[in-house]
C-alpha cells in the first residue's frame, strides 16, 4: 500500500509543472502555442483521461522535440519515441530550408517502429530527388536501430511514403493518387 501511495505522489508531483494539452493550440508551421497567447510551448505537455496521464510529450520552441510517451490503462508505456529537428540535414540535400521540419521515430510496445517527417517546406514535395535523398540520409541513421523500412513525409496537402528500397535504387516506382486530398504518393 505504501508503495502505491509513493508512486501516486511521485506521478502527481511530476505532473504539476506540466502543461495540459488542452491549454495548447497548433498554428502556422506546425508550431504549438499556449492557447490564447503568442507564447510557444516549451517543456512537458500531458494529456489525461479519467484523471490518468495517457500521454507525455516534450516541446522546445513550439516543436515536439525530445522524448514522448503514451501510457496504457495500468500506467505502462505502450508507445515511446522522440522528435528531432531536421535542420542538420539541410546541407545533405543541397541547402534546402528545413526550418520547423520534424522527424519523429515511434516504437510501439518495442515490437513495431515507424518514422514520420512533418515537412514545413512544401517546395520539397516538388523535387522527388530531394525527398529520396533526405529519406536515404534519415534511414542511414535510424533504420537499423529501429527496424524502419519506410519514411512517411507529410504536410497538410501531401502524404508521401518513401521506402528504403526506393531511396537506395535508381529504378524506383512512383504511385500517385492524384485526386486524393491530400495528394498521396508512394515511392517503391
N, C-alpha and C. Protein backbone atom coordinates (compact mmCIF):
# COMPACT_ATOMS: atom_id res chain seq x y z
N UNK A 1 0.83 -1.20 0.00
CA UNK A 1 0.00 0.00 0.00
C UNK A 1 0.87 1.26 0.00
N UNK A 2 1.94 1.25 0.81
CA UNK A 2 2.83 2.41 0.86
C UNK A 2 3.50 2.63 -0.49
N UNK A 3 3.81 1.51 -1.19
CA UNK A 3 4.43 1.61 -2.50
C UNK A 3 3.50 2.32 -3.50
N UNK A 4 2.24 1.92 -3.52
CA UNK A 4 1.26 2.54 -4.42
C UNK A 4 1.10 4.01 -4.10
N UNK A 5 1.05 4.35 -2.81
CA UNK A 5 0.93 5.74 -2.40
C UNK A 5 2.15 6.54 -2.86
N UNK A 6 3.34 5.97 -2.71
CA UNK A 6 4.57 6.66 -3.12
C UNK A 6 4.58 6.90 -4.62
N UNK A 7 4.18 5.90 -5.40
CA UNK A 7 4.13 6.06 -6.85
C UNK A 7 3.11 7.12 -7.24
N UNK A 8 1.94 7.10 -6.60
CA UNK A 8 0.90 8.09 -6.90
C UNK A 8 1.38 9.50 -6.60
N UNK A 9 2.05 9.69 -5.47
CA UNK A 9 2.58 11.01 -5.11
C UNK A 9 3.65 11.45 -6.10
N UNK A 10 4.48 10.51 -6.53
CA UNK A 10 5.53 10.83 -7.49
C UNK A 10 4.93 11.28 -8.81
N UNK A 11 3.92 10.55 -9.30
CA UNK A 11 3.25 10.93 -10.54
C UNK A 11 2.58 12.29 -10.41
N UNK A 12 1.92 12.53 -9.29
CA UNK A 12 1.25 13.81 -9.06
C UNK A 12 2.27 14.95 -9.05
N UNK A 13 3.36 14.75 -8.33
CA UNK A 13 4.39 15.79 -8.22
C UNK A 13 5.04 16.05 -9.57
N UNK A 14 5.23 14.97 -10.37
CA UNK A 14 5.89 15.16 -11.65
C UNK A 14 4.97 15.82 -12.67
N UNK A 15 3.66 15.78 -12.46
CA UNK A 15 2.71 16.36 -13.43
C UNK A 15 2.40 17.83 -13.15
N UNK A 16 2.65 18.31 -11.94
CA UNK A 16 2.16 19.64 -11.61
C UNK A 16 2.86 20.76 -12.38
N UNK A 17 4.08 20.53 -12.88
CA UNK A 17 4.77 21.55 -13.66
C UNK A 17 4.58 21.35 -15.16
N UNK A 18 3.72 20.43 -15.53
CA UNK A 18 3.46 20.16 -16.94
C UNK A 18 2.31 21.00 -17.46
N UNK A 19 2.29 21.17 -18.77
CA UNK A 19 1.23 21.92 -19.44
C UNK A 19 0.19 20.91 -19.92
N UNK A 20 -1.07 21.18 -19.65
CA UNK A 20 -2.14 20.32 -20.14
C UNK A 20 -2.33 20.56 -21.63
N UNK A 21 -2.42 19.49 -22.40
CA UNK A 21 -2.55 19.60 -23.86
C UNK A 21 -3.76 20.45 -24.25
N UNK A 22 -4.80 20.47 -23.42
CA UNK A 22 -5.98 21.28 -23.73
C UNK A 22 -5.70 22.77 -23.64
N UNK A 23 -4.57 23.14 -23.06
CA UNK A 23 -4.18 24.55 -22.96
C UNK A 23 -3.20 24.95 -24.06
N UNK A 24 -3.08 24.10 -25.09
CA UNK A 24 -2.19 24.41 -26.22
C UNK A 24 -3.00 24.41 -27.51
N UNK A 25 -2.44 25.07 -28.51
CA UNK A 25 -3.06 25.08 -29.84
C UNK A 25 -1.97 25.10 -30.89
N UNK A 26 -2.21 24.41 -32.00
CA UNK A 26 -1.25 24.38 -33.09
C UNK A 26 -1.61 25.45 -34.11
N UNK A 27 -0.58 26.17 -34.55
CA UNK A 27 -0.79 27.24 -35.52
C UNK A 27 0.13 27.03 -36.73
N UNK A 28 0.38 28.12 -37.44
CA UNK A 28 1.20 28.07 -38.66
C UNK A 28 2.53 27.37 -38.41
N UNK A 29 3.00 26.68 -39.44
CA UNK A 29 4.27 25.96 -39.44
C UNK A 29 4.28 24.80 -38.46
N UNK A 30 3.11 24.36 -38.01
CA UNK A 30 3.03 23.23 -37.09
C UNK A 30 3.51 23.55 -35.69
N UNK A 31 3.65 24.83 -35.37
CA UNK A 31 4.15 25.23 -34.05
C UNK A 31 3.00 25.25 -33.04
N UNK A 32 3.30 24.83 -31.81
CA UNK A 32 2.31 24.82 -30.74
C UNK A 32 2.52 26.00 -29.81
N UNK A 33 1.40 26.63 -29.45
CA UNK A 33 1.40 27.81 -28.57
C UNK A 33 0.54 27.54 -27.36
N UNK A 34 0.82 28.28 -26.28
CA UNK A 34 -0.09 28.28 -25.15
C UNK A 34 -1.35 28.97 -25.65
N UNK A 35 -2.48 28.31 -25.48
CA UNK A 35 -3.75 28.79 -26.03
C UNK A 35 -4.02 30.25 -25.64
N UNK A 36 -4.39 31.06 -26.64
CA UNK A 36 -4.76 32.45 -26.41
C UNK A 36 -3.59 33.39 -26.19
N UNK A 37 -2.36 32.90 -26.41
CA UNK A 37 -1.18 33.75 -26.24
C UNK A 37 -0.29 33.64 -27.47
N UNK A 38 0.79 34.38 -27.47
CA UNK A 38 1.82 34.25 -28.51
C UNK A 38 3.04 33.53 -27.97
N UNK A 39 2.87 32.82 -26.86
CA UNK A 39 3.98 32.10 -26.23
C UNK A 39 4.07 30.67 -26.77
N UNK A 40 5.23 30.35 -27.36
CA UNK A 40 5.47 28.99 -27.85
C UNK A 40 5.53 28.02 -26.67
N UNK A 41 5.05 26.81 -26.89
CA UNK A 41 5.08 25.78 -25.85
C UNK A 41 6.53 25.34 -25.65
N UNK A 42 6.95 25.33 -24.41
CA UNK A 42 8.29 24.89 -24.01
C UNK A 42 8.15 24.03 -22.77
N UNK A 43 8.59 22.80 -22.83
CA UNK A 43 8.52 21.92 -21.66
C UNK A 43 7.68 20.69 -21.92
N UNK A 44 7.20 20.10 -20.84
CA UNK A 44 6.44 18.86 -20.90
C UNK A 44 4.95 19.16 -21.05
N UNK A 45 4.30 18.44 -21.97
CA UNK A 45 2.87 18.57 -22.21
C UNK A 45 2.23 17.23 -21.91
N UNK A 46 1.15 17.23 -21.13
CA UNK A 46 0.47 15.98 -20.77
C UNK A 46 -0.95 15.97 -21.30
N UNK A 47 -1.39 14.77 -21.61
CA UNK A 47 -2.79 14.52 -21.97
C UNK A 47 -3.30 13.52 -20.94
N UNK A 48 -4.45 13.84 -20.34
CA UNK A 48 -5.03 12.96 -19.32
C UNK A 48 -6.40 12.49 -19.76
N UNK A 49 -6.78 11.35 -19.23
CA UNK A 49 -8.11 10.81 -19.45
C UNK A 49 -8.53 10.14 -18.15
N UNK A 50 -9.67 10.53 -17.64
CA UNK A 50 -10.13 9.95 -16.37
C UNK A 50 -9.17 10.20 -15.23
N UNK A 51 -8.45 11.32 -15.27
CA UNK A 51 -7.51 11.66 -14.22
C UNK A 51 -6.15 11.00 -14.36
N UNK A 52 -5.98 10.11 -15.34
CA UNK A 52 -4.70 9.42 -15.54
C UNK A 52 -3.97 10.00 -16.73
N UNK A 53 -2.65 10.12 -16.57
CA UNK A 53 -1.83 10.60 -17.67
C UNK A 53 -1.76 9.50 -18.74
N UNK A 54 -2.14 9.85 -19.98
CA UNK A 54 -2.08 8.88 -21.07
C UNK A 54 -1.03 9.24 -22.11
N UNK A 55 -0.52 10.48 -22.04
CA UNK A 55 0.49 10.91 -22.99
C UNK A 55 1.37 11.99 -22.38
N UNK A 56 2.66 11.92 -22.66
CA UNK A 56 3.63 12.91 -22.20
C UNK A 56 4.53 13.24 -23.38
N UNK A 57 4.59 14.53 -23.73
CA UNK A 57 5.40 14.98 -24.86
C UNK A 57 6.34 16.09 -24.39
N UNK A 58 7.47 16.21 -25.09
CA UNK A 58 8.44 17.25 -24.79
C UNK A 58 8.44 18.26 -25.94
N UNK A 59 8.32 19.54 -25.61
CA UNK A 59 8.32 20.60 -26.62
C UNK A 59 9.47 21.56 -26.37
N UNK A 60 10.01 22.08 -27.48
CA UNK A 60 11.08 23.07 -27.43
C UNK A 60 10.75 24.10 -28.51
N UNK A 61 10.55 25.35 -28.11
CA UNK A 61 10.20 26.43 -29.05
C UNK A 61 9.00 26.06 -29.92
N UNK A 62 7.98 25.44 -29.33
CA UNK A 62 6.76 25.12 -30.03
C UNK A 62 6.80 23.85 -30.86
N UNK A 63 7.94 23.17 -30.88
CA UNK A 63 8.10 21.96 -31.69
C UNK A 63 8.23 20.75 -30.76
N UNK A 64 7.62 19.62 -31.18
CA UNK A 64 7.74 18.41 -30.38
C UNK A 64 9.12 17.80 -30.62
N UNK A 65 10.04 18.21 -29.75
CA UNK A 65 11.43 17.80 -29.85
C UNK A 65 11.78 17.09 -28.54
N UNK A 66 12.37 15.94 -28.63
CA UNK A 66 12.73 15.18 -27.43
C UNK A 66 11.82 13.98 -27.25
N UNK A 67 11.91 13.34 -26.10
CA UNK A 67 11.15 12.10 -25.89
C UNK A 67 9.65 12.33 -25.72
N UNK A 68 8.86 11.32 -26.10
CA UNK A 68 7.42 11.33 -25.84
C UNK A 68 6.98 9.90 -25.52
N UNK A 69 5.89 9.79 -24.75
CA UNK A 69 5.40 8.50 -24.28
C UNK A 69 3.88 8.48 -24.32
N UNK A 70 3.31 7.31 -24.59
CA UNK A 70 1.88 7.08 -24.43
C UNK A 70 1.75 5.92 -23.46
N UNK A 71 0.78 6.03 -22.56
CA UNK A 71 0.64 5.06 -21.48
C UNK A 71 -0.66 4.29 -21.61
N UNK A 72 -0.61 3.01 -21.20
CA UNK A 72 -1.79 2.17 -21.19
C UNK A 72 -2.60 2.39 -19.93
N UNK A 73 -3.70 1.64 -19.77
CA UNK A 73 -4.61 1.84 -18.64
C UNK A 73 -3.98 1.57 -17.27
N UNK A 74 -2.93 0.77 -17.25
CA UNK A 74 -2.26 0.47 -15.98
C UNK A 74 -1.00 1.30 -15.78
N UNK A 75 -0.81 2.33 -16.62
CA UNK A 75 0.34 3.21 -16.49
C UNK A 75 1.58 2.72 -17.21
N UNK A 76 1.48 1.57 -17.89
CA UNK A 76 2.63 1.04 -18.61
C UNK A 76 2.86 1.81 -19.90
N UNK A 77 4.13 1.95 -20.30
CA UNK A 77 4.46 2.62 -21.55
C UNK A 77 4.10 1.68 -22.70
N UNK A 78 3.23 2.13 -23.59
CA UNK A 78 2.85 1.31 -24.75
C UNK A 78 3.47 1.85 -26.04
N UNK A 79 3.73 3.14 -26.07
CA UNK A 79 4.37 3.77 -27.23
C UNK A 79 5.37 4.78 -26.70
N UNK A 80 6.55 4.77 -27.31
CA UNK A 80 7.56 5.77 -26.94
C UNK A 80 8.29 6.19 -28.20
N UNK A 81 8.89 7.32 -28.13
CA UNK A 81 9.63 7.81 -29.28
C UNK A 81 10.31 9.12 -28.99
N UNK A 82 10.74 9.77 -30.05
CA UNK A 82 11.42 11.06 -29.90
C UNK A 82 11.25 11.86 -31.17
N UNK A 83 11.36 13.16 -31.03
CA UNK A 83 11.33 14.06 -32.17
C UNK A 83 12.63 14.83 -32.25
N UNK A 84 13.11 15.06 -33.48
CA UNK A 84 14.32 15.86 -33.68
C UNK A 84 14.08 16.84 -34.83
N UNK A 85 14.78 17.96 -34.78
CA UNK A 85 14.72 18.93 -35.87
C UNK A 85 15.56 18.41 -37.04
N UNK A 86 15.15 18.72 -38.25
CA UNK A 86 15.86 18.24 -39.43
C UNK A 86 16.84 19.26 -40.01
N UNK A 87 17.05 20.38 -39.36
CA UNK A 87 17.96 21.42 -39.89
C UNK A 87 19.34 20.84 -40.20
N UNK A 88 19.76 19.83 -39.45
CA UNK A 88 21.10 19.25 -39.67
C UNK A 88 21.22 18.56 -41.02
N UNK A 89 20.09 18.28 -41.68
CA UNK A 89 20.11 17.61 -42.98
C UNK A 89 20.07 18.59 -44.15
N UNK A 90 20.01 19.88 -43.89
CA UNK A 90 19.89 20.87 -44.97
C UNK A 90 21.01 20.76 -46.00
N UNK A 91 22.25 20.69 -45.53
CA UNK A 91 23.38 20.63 -46.47
C UNK A 91 23.38 19.33 -47.26
N UNK A 92 22.93 18.24 -46.65
CA UNK A 92 22.90 16.94 -47.32
C UNK A 92 21.95 16.92 -48.51
N UNK A 93 20.95 17.81 -48.50
CA UNK A 93 20.01 17.84 -49.62
C UNK A 93 20.09 19.17 -50.37
N UNK A 94 21.29 19.69 -50.46
CA UNK A 94 21.53 20.86 -51.32
C UNK A 94 21.16 22.20 -50.73
N UNK A 95 21.16 22.31 -49.41
CA UNK A 95 20.89 23.60 -48.78
C UNK A 95 19.42 23.96 -48.67
N UNK A 96 18.54 23.02 -48.93
CA UNK A 96 17.10 23.27 -48.83
C UNK A 96 16.71 23.60 -47.40
N UNK A 97 15.87 24.61 -47.22
CA UNK A 97 15.44 25.05 -45.89
C UNK A 97 14.57 23.99 -45.22
N UNK A 98 14.99 23.51 -44.07
CA UNK A 98 14.22 22.53 -43.29
C UNK A 98 13.82 23.09 -41.93
N UNK A 99 13.69 24.42 -41.84
CA UNK A 99 13.23 25.04 -40.61
C UNK A 99 11.84 24.51 -40.26
N UNK A 100 11.62 24.18 -39.02
CA UNK A 100 10.35 23.66 -38.50
C UNK A 100 9.97 22.29 -39.05
N UNK A 101 10.90 21.59 -39.67
CA UNK A 101 10.65 20.22 -40.13
C UNK A 101 11.11 19.26 -39.03
N UNK A 102 10.24 18.32 -38.68
CA UNK A 102 10.49 17.46 -37.52
C UNK A 102 10.41 15.99 -37.91
N UNK A 103 11.43 15.22 -37.52
CA UNK A 103 11.42 13.77 -37.65
C UNK A 103 10.94 13.19 -36.33
N UNK A 104 9.97 12.28 -36.40
CA UNK A 104 9.51 11.55 -35.21
C UNK A 104 9.74 10.07 -35.45
N UNK A 105 10.41 9.43 -34.50
CA UNK A 105 10.61 7.98 -34.54
C UNK A 105 9.79 7.41 -33.40
N UNK A 106 8.93 6.44 -33.73
CA UNK A 106 7.96 5.90 -32.77
C UNK A 106 8.14 4.39 -32.65
N UNK A 107 8.17 3.89 -31.40
CA UNK A 107 8.21 2.45 -31.13
C UNK A 107 6.94 2.08 -30.39
N UNK A 108 6.25 1.05 -30.89
CA UNK A 108 5.02 0.57 -30.27
C UNK A 108 5.31 -0.76 -29.59
N UNK A 109 5.20 -0.78 -28.27
CA UNK A 109 5.43 -1.99 -27.47
C UNK A 109 6.75 -2.68 -27.79
N UNK A 110 7.76 -1.93 -28.19
CA UNK A 110 9.07 -2.48 -28.55
C UNK A 110 8.99 -3.56 -29.61
N UNK A 111 7.89 -3.58 -30.38
CA UNK A 111 7.68 -4.60 -31.40
C UNK A 111 7.70 -4.00 -32.79
N UNK A 112 7.09 -2.85 -32.94
CA UNK A 112 6.88 -2.23 -34.24
C UNK A 112 7.36 -0.79 -34.15
N UNK A 113 8.05 -0.32 -35.18
CA UNK A 113 8.53 1.06 -35.22
C UNK A 113 8.17 1.71 -36.54
N UNK A 114 8.02 3.01 -36.51
CA UNK A 114 7.81 3.77 -37.74
C UNK A 114 8.39 5.16 -37.56
N UNK A 115 8.58 5.85 -38.70
CA UNK A 115 9.14 7.20 -38.66
C UNK A 115 8.32 8.11 -39.56
N UNK A 116 8.10 9.34 -39.09
CA UNK A 116 7.39 10.34 -39.86
C UNK A 116 8.20 11.62 -39.91
N UNK A 117 7.98 12.38 -40.97
CA UNK A 117 8.58 13.71 -41.08
C UNK A 117 7.47 14.69 -41.35
N UNK A 118 7.33 15.68 -40.47
CA UNK A 118 6.47 16.82 -40.77
C UNK A 118 7.32 17.78 -41.59
N UNK A 119 6.93 18.01 -42.85
CA UNK A 119 7.70 18.85 -43.76
C UNK A 119 7.04 20.21 -43.87
N UNK A 120 7.70 21.23 -43.34
CA UNK A 120 7.15 22.58 -43.36
C UNK A 120 7.48 23.32 -44.65
N UNK A 121 8.35 22.77 -45.49
CA UNK A 121 8.73 23.39 -46.75
C UNK A 121 8.05 22.63 -47.89
N UNK A 122 6.91 23.13 -48.37
CA UNK A 122 6.13 22.45 -49.41
C UNK A 122 6.90 22.29 -50.71
N UNK A 123 7.91 23.13 -50.96
CA UNK A 123 8.68 23.03 -52.20
C UNK A 123 9.44 21.71 -52.30
N UNK A 124 9.75 21.10 -51.17
CA UNK A 124 10.47 19.83 -51.19
C UNK A 124 9.63 18.75 -51.89
N UNK A 125 8.31 18.84 -51.79
CA UNK A 125 7.45 17.84 -52.43
C UNK A 125 7.51 17.92 -53.96
N UNK A 126 7.98 19.04 -54.49
CA UNK A 126 8.11 19.19 -55.94
C UNK A 126 9.40 18.58 -56.48
N UNK A 127 10.31 18.20 -55.59
CA UNK A 127 11.61 17.67 -56.00
C UNK A 127 11.78 16.26 -55.45
N UNK A 128 11.36 15.27 -56.25
CA UNK A 128 11.39 13.88 -55.80
C UNK A 128 12.79 13.42 -55.41
N UNK A 129 13.80 13.92 -56.11
CA UNK A 129 15.17 13.51 -55.80
C UNK A 129 15.59 13.98 -54.41
N UNK A 130 15.16 15.18 -54.02
CA UNK A 130 15.48 15.66 -52.66
C UNK A 130 14.76 14.84 -51.61
N UNK A 131 13.51 14.46 -51.89
CA UNK A 131 12.78 13.59 -50.95
C UNK A 131 13.49 12.26 -50.78
N UNK A 132 13.93 11.68 -51.89
CA UNK A 132 14.65 10.41 -51.82
C UNK A 132 15.97 10.55 -51.08
N UNK A 133 16.68 11.65 -51.34
CA UNK A 133 17.97 11.88 -50.68
C UNK A 133 17.79 12.10 -49.18
N UNK A 134 16.79 12.88 -48.81
CA UNK A 134 16.50 13.10 -47.39
C UNK A 134 16.16 11.77 -46.72
N UNK A 135 15.31 10.97 -47.36
CA UNK A 135 14.95 9.66 -46.82
C UNK A 135 16.18 8.79 -46.65
N UNK A 136 17.04 8.77 -47.65
CA UNK A 136 18.26 7.96 -47.60
C UNK A 136 19.12 8.35 -46.40
N UNK A 137 19.30 9.65 -46.17
CA UNK A 137 20.12 10.12 -45.05
C UNK A 137 19.47 9.78 -43.69
N UNK A 138 18.17 9.97 -43.59
CA UNK A 138 17.49 9.67 -42.32
C UNK A 138 17.52 8.18 -42.02
N UNK A 139 17.21 7.36 -43.03
CA UNK A 139 17.20 5.91 -42.80
C UNK A 139 18.60 5.36 -42.55
N UNK A 140 19.63 6.00 -43.09
CA UNK A 140 21.00 5.57 -42.82
C UNK A 140 21.31 5.66 -41.32
N UNK A 141 20.70 6.62 -40.66
CA UNK A 141 20.94 6.81 -39.22
C UNK A 141 20.00 5.96 -38.36
N UNK A 142 18.73 5.84 -38.76
CA UNK A 142 17.72 5.26 -37.87
C UNK A 142 17.17 3.89 -38.28
N UNK A 143 17.38 3.46 -39.51
CA UNK A 143 16.75 2.23 -39.99
C UNK A 143 17.19 0.99 -39.21
N UNK A 144 18.46 0.79 -39.05
CA UNK A 144 18.95 -0.42 -38.37
C UNK A 144 18.56 -0.45 -36.89
N UNK A 145 18.76 0.65 -36.22
CA UNK A 145 18.49 0.68 -34.77
C UNK A 145 17.01 0.50 -34.44
N UNK A 146 16.13 0.99 -35.31
CA UNK A 146 14.69 0.95 -35.03
C UNK A 146 13.90 0.07 -36.00
N UNK A 147 14.61 -0.62 -36.88
CA UNK A 147 13.96 -1.52 -37.86
C UNK A 147 12.89 -0.79 -38.68
N UNK A 148 13.29 0.33 -39.25
CA UNK A 148 12.39 1.16 -40.05
C UNK A 148 12.75 0.98 -41.53
N UNK A 149 11.76 0.65 -42.35
CA UNK A 149 11.98 0.47 -43.77
C UNK A 149 11.30 1.54 -44.63
N UNK A 150 10.44 2.34 -44.04
CA UNK A 150 9.72 3.38 -44.78
C UNK A 150 9.72 4.67 -43.97
N UNK A 151 9.65 5.77 -44.69
CA UNK A 151 9.54 7.08 -44.07
C UNK A 151 8.28 7.74 -44.61
N UNK A 152 7.41 8.18 -43.72
CA UNK A 152 6.17 8.86 -44.09
C UNK A 152 6.43 10.35 -43.96
N UNK A 153 6.36 11.09 -45.07
CA UNK A 153 6.65 12.53 -45.11
C UNK A 153 5.35 13.24 -45.46
N UNK A 154 4.98 14.24 -44.66
CA UNK A 154 3.67 14.86 -44.87
C UNK A 154 3.66 16.34 -44.51
N UNK A 155 2.64 17.00 -45.04
CA UNK A 155 2.19 18.31 -44.59
C UNK A 155 0.68 18.30 -44.79
N UNK A 156 0.05 19.46 -44.75
CA UNK A 156 -1.42 19.48 -44.88
C UNK A 156 -1.91 19.03 -46.25
N UNK A 157 -1.08 19.17 -47.27
CA UNK A 157 -1.51 18.88 -48.63
C UNK A 157 -0.87 17.65 -49.27
N UNK A 158 0.08 17.02 -48.59
CA UNK A 158 0.82 15.91 -49.17
C UNK A 158 0.98 14.79 -48.14
N UNK A 159 0.98 13.56 -48.65
CA UNK A 159 1.33 12.39 -47.84
C UNK A 159 2.19 11.49 -48.72
N UNK A 160 3.48 11.46 -48.44
CA UNK A 160 4.40 10.66 -49.24
C UNK A 160 4.96 9.55 -48.36
N UNK A 161 4.99 8.34 -48.89
CA UNK A 161 5.66 7.24 -48.22
C UNK A 161 6.84 6.84 -49.10
N UNK A 162 8.04 6.88 -48.53
CA UNK A 162 9.24 6.55 -49.29
C UNK A 162 9.88 5.32 -48.64
N UNK A 163 10.04 4.26 -49.43
CA UNK A 163 10.64 3.03 -48.90
C UNK A 163 12.16 3.12 -48.95
N UNK A 164 12.79 2.34 -48.10
CA UNK A 164 14.25 2.28 -48.07
C UNK A 164 14.77 1.81 -49.43
N UNK A 165 14.07 0.87 -50.06
CA UNK A 165 14.48 0.38 -51.38
C UNK A 165 14.48 1.50 -52.42
N UNK A 166 13.44 2.32 -52.43
CA UNK A 166 13.36 3.41 -53.40
C UNK A 166 14.48 4.42 -53.17
N UNK A 167 14.81 4.68 -51.91
CA UNK A 167 15.85 5.65 -51.60
C UNK A 167 17.24 5.15 -51.97
N UNK A 168 17.39 3.84 -52.14
CA UNK A 168 18.72 3.29 -52.43
C UNK A 168 18.87 2.80 -53.87
N UNK A 169 17.82 2.89 -54.69
CA UNK A 169 17.88 2.42 -56.07
C UNK A 169 17.59 3.55 -57.05
N UNK A 170 18.11 3.40 -58.24
CA UNK A 170 17.82 4.38 -59.29
C UNK A 170 16.52 4.05 -60.02
N UNK A 171 16.07 2.80 -59.93
CA UNK A 171 14.89 2.37 -60.69
C UNK A 171 13.67 2.19 -59.78
N UNK A 172 13.37 3.18 -58.99
CA UNK A 172 12.21 3.12 -58.11
C UNK A 172 10.94 3.39 -58.89
N UNK A 173 9.80 3.03 -58.30
CA UNK A 173 8.49 3.26 -58.91
C UNK A 173 7.72 4.25 -58.06
N UNK A 174 6.97 5.13 -58.71
CA UNK A 174 6.17 6.13 -58.00
C UNK A 174 4.70 5.88 -58.30
N UNK A 175 3.89 5.70 -57.25
CA UNK A 175 2.45 5.56 -57.38
C UNK A 175 1.82 6.81 -56.80
N UNK A 176 0.94 7.45 -57.55
CA UNK A 176 0.31 8.69 -57.09
C UNK A 176 -1.21 8.57 -57.15
N UNK A 177 -1.85 8.93 -56.06
CA UNK A 177 -3.31 9.06 -56.03
C UNK A 177 -3.59 10.55 -56.20
N UNK A 178 -3.62 11.01 -57.45
CA UNK A 178 -3.64 12.45 -57.72
C UNK A 178 -4.95 13.14 -57.36
N UNK A 179 -6.04 12.41 -57.29
CA UNK A 179 -7.31 13.05 -56.95
C UNK A 179 -7.54 13.09 -55.45
N UNK A 180 -6.66 12.48 -54.72
CA UNK A 180 -6.80 12.48 -53.26
C UNK A 180 -6.46 13.85 -52.70
N UNK A 181 -7.07 14.20 -51.62
CA UNK A 181 -6.71 15.43 -50.92
C UNK A 181 -6.52 15.06 -49.46
N UNK A 182 -5.33 15.04 -48.95
CA UNK A 182 -4.08 15.46 -49.60
C UNK A 182 -3.61 14.46 -50.67
N UNK A 183 -2.66 14.93 -51.53
CA UNK A 183 -2.08 14.09 -52.56
C UNK A 183 -1.28 12.99 -51.87
N UNK A 184 -1.51 11.74 -52.29
CA UNK A 184 -0.82 10.59 -51.68
C UNK A 184 0.12 10.00 -52.72
N UNK A 185 1.40 9.83 -52.35
CA UNK A 185 2.41 9.32 -53.26
C UNK A 185 3.22 8.25 -52.54
N UNK A 186 3.47 7.15 -53.23
CA UNK A 186 4.32 6.08 -52.69
C UNK A 186 5.52 5.89 -53.61
N UNK A 187 6.71 5.85 -53.02
CA UNK A 187 7.95 5.56 -53.74
C UNK A 187 8.31 4.13 -53.36
N UNK A 188 8.39 3.23 -54.37
CA UNK A 188 8.76 1.84 -54.07
C UNK A 188 9.88 1.40 -54.95
